[in-house]
């Protein structure tokens, strides 16, 4: 049986003092739309079913639980690094 596509959006507001939170969530066609919007807006897409399985039970607006901080922090750090590298590349052109 084919697993249904799932997607989550995680937002982190720098210097807010708060944890990242779920700002988009859906399955099937809704997941496809979330991914489409993310791609159109240059948002990093992480394909990791383990993370989805861990975080999918959270509701929209719910903060990431402390026991998931490490994995989410790794993803956010990677995104920041990629943006910085892209910026450096663009600055050198």
C-alpha atoms as a PDB file:
ATOM      1  CA  UNK A   1       0.000   0.000   0.000  1.00  0.00           C
ATOM      2  CA  UNK A   2       1.397   3.359  -1.069  1.00  0.00           C
ATOM      3  CA  UNK A   3       1.857   5.881   1.735  1.00  0.00           C
ATOM      4  CA  UNK A   4      -0.021   9.121   1.351  1.00  0.00           C
ATOM      5  CA  UNK A   5       2.114  12.232   0.810  1.00  0.00           C
ATOM      6  CA  UNK A   6       2.428  14.434   3.889  1.00  0.00           C
ATOM      7  CA  UNK A   7       3.945  17.873   4.267  1.00  0.00           C
ATOM      8  CA  UNK A   8       4.714  20.178   7.177  1.00  0.00           C
ATOM      9  CA  UNK A   9       5.837  23.784   7.244  1.00  0.00           C
ATOM     10  CA  UNK A  10       8.009  24.836  10.157  1.00  0.00           C
ATOM     11  CA  UNK A  11       8.566  28.499  10.929  1.00  0.00           C
ATOM     12  CA  UNK A  12      11.157  29.983  13.232  1.00  0.00           C
ATOM     13  CA  UNK A  13      11.120  33.647  14.165  1.00  0.00           C
ATOM     14  CA  UNK A  14      14.719  34.654  14.886  1.00  0.00           C
ATOM     15  CA  UNK A  15      15.298  36.396  18.231  1.00  0.00           C
ATOM     16  CA  UNK A  16      11.729  35.710  19.359  1.00  0.00           C
ATOM     17  CA  UNK A  17      12.847  33.542  22.253  1.00  0.00           C
ATOM     18  CA  UNK A  18      10.292  30.951  21.147  1.00  0.00           C
ATOM     19  CA  UNK A  19      10.624  27.540  19.559  1.00  0.00           C
ATOM     20  CA  UNK A  20       9.873  26.920  15.893  1.00  0.00           C
ATOM     21  CA  UNK A  21       6.232  26.090  15.216  1.00  0.00           C
ATOM     22  CA  UNK A  22       4.076  24.311  12.658  1.00  0.00           C
ATOM     23  CA  UNK A  23       2.756  26.838  10.127  1.00  0.00           C
ATOM     24  CA  UNK A  24       1.474  24.445   7.430  1.00  0.00           C
ATOM     25  CA  UNK A  25       0.263  20.861   7.503  1.00  0.00           C
ATOM     26  CA  UNK A  26      -1.506  18.568   5.093  1.00  0.00           C
ATOM     27  CA  UNK A  27      -1.826  15.234   3.312  1.00  0.00           C
ATOM     28  CA  UNK A  28      -2.460  14.293  -0.294  1.00  0.00           C
ATOM     29  CA  UNK A  29      -3.480  17.243  -2.473  1.00  0.00           C
ATOM     30  CA  UNK A  30      -2.965  19.689   0.395  1.00  0.00           C
ATOM     31  CA  UNK A  31       0.593  18.393   0.878  1.00  0.00           C
ATOM     32  CA  UNK A  32       1.216  18.818  -2.855  1.00  0.00           C
ATOM     33  CA  UNK A  33       0.010  22.437  -2.626  1.00  0.00           C
ATOM     34  CA  UNK A  34       2.214  23.140   0.429  1.00  0.00           C
ATOM     35  CA  UNK A  35       5.243  21.798  -1.475  1.00  0.00           C
ATOM     36  CA  UNK A  36       4.326  23.758  -4.611  1.00  0.00           C
ATOM     37  CA  UNK A  37       4.020  27.014  -2.653  1.00  0.00           C
ATOM     38  CA  UNK A  38       7.296  26.332  -0.846  1.00  0.00           C
ATOM     39  CA  UNK A  39       9.125  25.736  -4.126  1.00  0.00           C
ATOM     40  CA  UNK A  40       7.673  28.893  -5.698  1.00  0.00           C
ATOM     41  CA  UNK A  41       8.895  30.891  -2.693  1.00  0.00           C
ATOM     42  CA  UNK A  42      12.370  29.369  -2.518  1.00  0.00           C
ATOM     43  CA  UNK A  43      11.661  27.600   0.765  1.00  0.00           C
ATOM     44  CA  UNK A  44      13.948  24.668   1.556  1.00  0.00           C
ATOM     45  CA  UNK A  45      12.197  21.295   1.356  1.00  0.00           C
ATOM     46  CA  UNK A  46      13.537  18.516   3.556  1.00  0.00           C
ATOM     47  CA  UNK A  47      12.387  15.046   2.540  1.00  0.00           C
ATOM     48  CA  UNK A  48      12.544  13.036   5.754  1.00  0.00           C
ATOM     49  CA  UNK A  49       9.715  10.697   6.638  1.00  0.00           C
ATOM     50  CA  UNK A  50      11.106  10.180  10.155  1.00  0.00           C
ATOM     51  CA  UNK A  51      10.730  13.888  10.934  1.00  0.00           C
ATOM     52  CA  UNK A  52       7.237  13.960   9.421  1.00  0.00           C
ATOM     53  CA  UNK A  53       6.243  10.951  11.532  1.00  0.00           C
ATOM     54  CA  UNK A  54       7.560  12.612  14.686  1.00  0.00           C
ATOM     55  CA  UNK A  55       6.034  16.059  14.080  1.00  0.00           C
ATOM     56  CA  UNK A  56       2.839  15.312  12.160  1.00  0.00           C
ATOM     57  CA  UNK A  57       0.792  14.865  15.347  1.00  0.00           C
ATOM     58  CA  UNK A  58       1.343  18.536  16.183  1.00  0.00           C
ATOM     59  CA  UNK A  59      -1.407  20.994  15.351  1.00  0.00           C
ATOM     60  CA  UNK A  60      -1.047  24.173  13.298  1.00  0.00           C
ATOM     61  CA  UNK A  61       0.530  26.874  15.443  1.00  0.00           C
ATOM     62  CA  UNK A  62       1.869  24.352  17.936  1.00  0.00           C
ATOM     63  CA  UNK A  63       5.493  24.783  18.994  1.00  0.00           C
ATOM     64  CA  UNK A  64       8.028  22.044  18.333  1.00  0.00           C
ATOM     65  CA  UNK A  65       8.407  19.968  21.530  1.00  0.00           C
ATOM     66  CA  UNK A  66      11.698  20.073  23.375  1.00  0.00           C
ATOM     67  CA  UNK A  67      12.502  16.447  22.565  1.00  0.00           C
ATOM     68  CA  UNK A  68      12.528  17.370  18.842  1.00  0.00           C
ATOM     69  CA  UNK A  69      14.656  20.529  19.122  1.00  0.00           C
ATOM     70  CA  UNK A  70      17.884  18.850  18.058  1.00  0.00           C
ATOM     71  CA  UNK A  71      16.617  17.443  14.755  1.00  0.00           C
ATOM     72  CA  UNK A  72      14.736  20.649  13.872  1.00  0.00           C
ATOM     73  CA  UNK A  73      17.779  22.757  14.814  1.00  0.00           C
ATOM     74  CA  UNK A  74      19.942  20.671  12.473  1.00  0.00           C
ATOM     75  CA  UNK A  75      17.543  21.319   9.604  1.00  0.00           C
ATOM     76  CA  UNK A  76      17.295  25.040  10.349  1.00  0.00           C
ATOM     77  CA  UNK A  77      21.097  25.307  10.618  1.00  0.00           C
ATOM     78  CA  UNK A  78      21.460  23.583   7.243  1.00  0.00           C
ATOM     79  CA  UNK A  79      18.943  26.001   5.687  1.00  0.00           C
ATOM     80  CA  UNK A  80      20.801  29.024   7.085  1.00  0.00           C
ATOM     81  CA  UNK A  81      24.113  27.633   5.836  1.00  0.00           C
ATOM     82  CA  UNK A  82      22.645  27.052   2.354  1.00  0.00           C
ATOM     83  CA  UNK A  83      21.244  30.583   2.250  1.00  0.00           C
ATOM     84  CA  UNK A  84      24.590  32.026   3.356  1.00  0.00           C
ATOM     85  CA  UNK A  85      26.453  30.019   0.716  1.00  0.00           C
ATOM     86  CA  UNK A  86      23.971  31.099  -1.957  1.00  0.00           C
ATOM     87  CA  UNK A  87      24.383  34.713  -0.849  1.00  0.00           C
ATOM     88  CA  UNK A  88      28.171  34.423  -0.997  1.00  0.00           C
ATOM     89  CA  UNK A  89      27.921  32.924  -4.453  1.00  0.00           C
ATOM     90  CA  UNK A  90      25.640  35.716  -5.644  1.00  0.00           C
ATOM     91  CA  UNK A  91      27.868  38.386  -4.051  1.00  0.00           C
ATOM     92  CA  UNK A  92      30.843  37.073  -6.066  1.00  0.00           C
ATOM     93  CA  UNK A  93      29.111  37.435  -9.430  1.00  0.00           C
END
